[in-house]
Amino acid sequence: MPLSAAPELCSIRIESLPTQRTLRNRLMAMGIRPGAEVQVLRRGRPGGVMHVACGILEFMIRHEHAAEMEVSF
């Protein structure tokens, strides 16, 4: 399922990153890689940004970018 569809406060595993090279590189530099465990903390308005945590790192990601990332439970 895409990260954009993941429920709040559930631990999920990243399966794939976005295809956009600069975004993929930025996420990897922060330690967000396939296999990483993340949690959606909250969502903005529909189609807005998502607040996501990976360990002690918290970041925001746009809905359209989150839709390109596959995750699993």
C-alpha atoms as a PDB file:
ATOM      1  CA  MET A   1       0.000   0.000   0.000  1.00  0.00           C
ATOM      2  CA  PRO A   2       1.259   3.557  -0.506  1.00  0.00           C
ATOM      3  CA  LEU A   3       2.529   5.528   2.497  1.00  0.00           C
ATOM      4  CA  SER A   4      -0.188   8.100   1.775  1.00  0.00           C
ATOM      5  CA  ALA A   5      -2.830   5.458   2.685  1.00  0.00           C
ATOM      6  CA  ALA A   6      -1.158   4.225   5.889  1.00  0.00           C
ATOM      7  CA  PRO A   7      -3.170   4.698   9.091  1.00  0.00           C
ATOM      8  CA  GLU A   8      -1.976   7.047  11.819  1.00  0.00           C
ATOM      9  CA  LEU A   9       0.026   5.692  14.774  1.00  0.00           C
ATOM     10  CA  CYS A  10       0.746   2.332  13.126  1.00  0.00           C
ATOM     11  CA  SER A  11       4.284   0.994  12.691  1.00  0.00           C
ATOM     12  CA  ILE A  12       4.973   0.284   9.039  1.00  0.00           C
ATOM     13  CA  ARG A  13       7.997  -0.745   6.976  1.00  0.00           C
ATOM     14  CA  ILE A  14       9.211   1.183   3.930  1.00  0.00           C
ATOM     15  CA  GLU A  15       9.323  -1.109   0.887  1.00  0.00           C
ATOM     16  CA  SER A  16      10.232   1.419  -1.836  1.00  0.00           C
ATOM     17  CA  LEU A  17      11.212   5.072  -2.191  1.00  0.00           C
ATOM     18  CA  PRO A  18       9.977   7.688  -4.684  1.00  0.00           C
ATOM     19  CA  THR A  19      11.512   7.640  -8.148  1.00  0.00           C
ATOM     20  CA  GLN A  20      12.410  11.345  -8.069  1.00  0.00           C
ATOM     21  CA  ARG A  21      16.187  11.267  -7.612  1.00  0.00           C
ATOM     22  CA  THR A  22      16.632  14.332  -5.375  1.00  0.00           C
ATOM     23  CA  LEU A  23      13.828  13.303  -3.003  1.00  0.00           C
ATOM     24  CA  ARG A  24      15.061   9.701  -2.875  1.00  0.00           C
ATOM     25  CA  ASN A  25      18.611  10.894  -2.085  1.00  0.00           C
ATOM     26  CA  ARG A  26      17.376  13.279   0.622  1.00  0.00           C
ATOM     27  CA  LEU A  27      15.312  10.546   2.291  1.00  0.00           C
ATOM     28  CA  MET A  28      18.251   8.131   2.160  1.00  0.00           C
ATOM     29  CA  ALA A  29      20.549  10.774   3.693  1.00  0.00           C
ATOM     30  CA  MET A  30      18.101  10.963   6.628  1.00  0.00           C
ATOM     31  CA  GLY A  31      18.173   7.173   7.035  1.00  0.00           C
ATOM     32  CA  ILE A  32      14.830   6.538   5.342  1.00  0.00           C
ATOM     33  CA  ARG A  33      15.568   3.452   3.227  1.00  0.00           C
ATOM     34  CA  PRO A  34      13.706   0.308   2.214  1.00  0.00           C
ATOM     35  CA  GLY A  35      13.319  -1.763   5.383  1.00  0.00           C
ATOM     36  CA  ALA A  36      13.144   1.250   7.721  1.00  0.00           C
ATOM     37  CA  GLU A  37      10.349   1.265  10.308  1.00  0.00           C
ATOM     38  CA  VAL A  38       8.268   4.464  10.289  1.00  0.00           C
ATOM     39  CA  GLN A  39       5.088   5.745  11.897  1.00  0.00           C
ATOM     40  CA  VAL A  40       2.568   8.257  10.536  1.00  0.00           C
ATOM     41  CA  LEU A  41       2.021  10.640  13.446  1.00  0.00           C
ATOM     42  CA  ARG A  42      -0.664  12.787  11.836  1.00  0.00           C
ATOM     43  CA  ARG A  43      -2.024  14.033   8.558  1.00  0.00           C
ATOM     44  CA  GLY A  44      -2.732  17.515   7.298  1.00  0.00           C
ATOM     45  CA  ARG A  45      -5.784  18.344   5.266  1.00  0.00           C
ATOM     46  CA  PRO A  46      -6.652  15.767   2.578  1.00  0.00           C
ATOM     47  CA  GLY A  47      -3.966  15.900  -0.080  1.00  0.00           C
ATOM     48  CA  GLY A  48      -1.715  17.956   2.222  1.00  0.00           C
ATOM     49  CA  VAL A  49       1.384  16.929   4.154  1.00  0.00           C
ATOM     50  CA  MET A  50       1.972  13.977   6.470  1.00  0.00           C
ATOM     51  CA  HIS A  51       3.961  14.082   9.718  1.00  0.00           C
ATOM     52  CA  VAL A  52       6.101  10.923   9.850  1.00  0.00           C
ATOM     53  CA  ALA A  53       8.612   9.578  12.396  1.00  0.00           C
ATOM     54  CA  CYS A  54      11.522   7.174  11.950  1.00  0.00           C
ATOM     55  CA  GLY A  55      13.196   6.567  15.301  1.00  0.00           C
ATOM     56  CA  ILE A  56      14.044   9.992  16.755  1.00  0.00           C
ATOM     57  CA  LEU A  57      13.760  11.668  13.327  1.00  0.00           C
ATOM     58  CA  GLU A  58      10.477  13.407  12.493  1.00  0.00           C
ATOM     59  CA  PHE A  59       9.765  14.866   9.065  1.00  0.00           C
ATOM     60  CA  MET A  60       6.954  16.119   6.867  1.00  0.00           C
ATOM     61  CA  ILE A  61       6.290  14.705   3.416  1.00  0.00           C
ATOM     62  CA  ARG A  62       3.846  15.848   0.754  1.00  0.00           C
ATOM     63  CA  HIS A  63       0.928  13.568   0.006  1.00  0.00           C
ATOM     64  CA  GLU A  64       1.930  13.164  -3.660  1.00  0.00           C
ATOM     65  CA  HIS A  65       5.431  12.036  -2.643  1.00  0.00           C
ATOM     66  CA  ALA A  66       4.080   9.691   0.030  1.00  0.00           C
ATOM     67  CA  ALA A  67       1.829   8.144  -2.643  1.00  0.00           C
ATOM     68  CA  GLU A  68       4.982   7.033  -4.516  1.00  0.00           C
ATOM     69  CA  MET A  69       6.367   5.141  -1.489  1.00  0.00           C
ATOM     70  CA  GLU A  70       5.223   1.568  -0.895  1.00  0.00           C
ATOM     71  CA  VAL A  71       4.918   0.345   2.706  1.00  0.00           C
ATOM     72  CA  SER A  72       3.816  -2.811   4.504  1.00  0.00           C
ATOM     73  CA  PHE A  73       2.783  -3.759   8.048  1.00  0.00           C
END
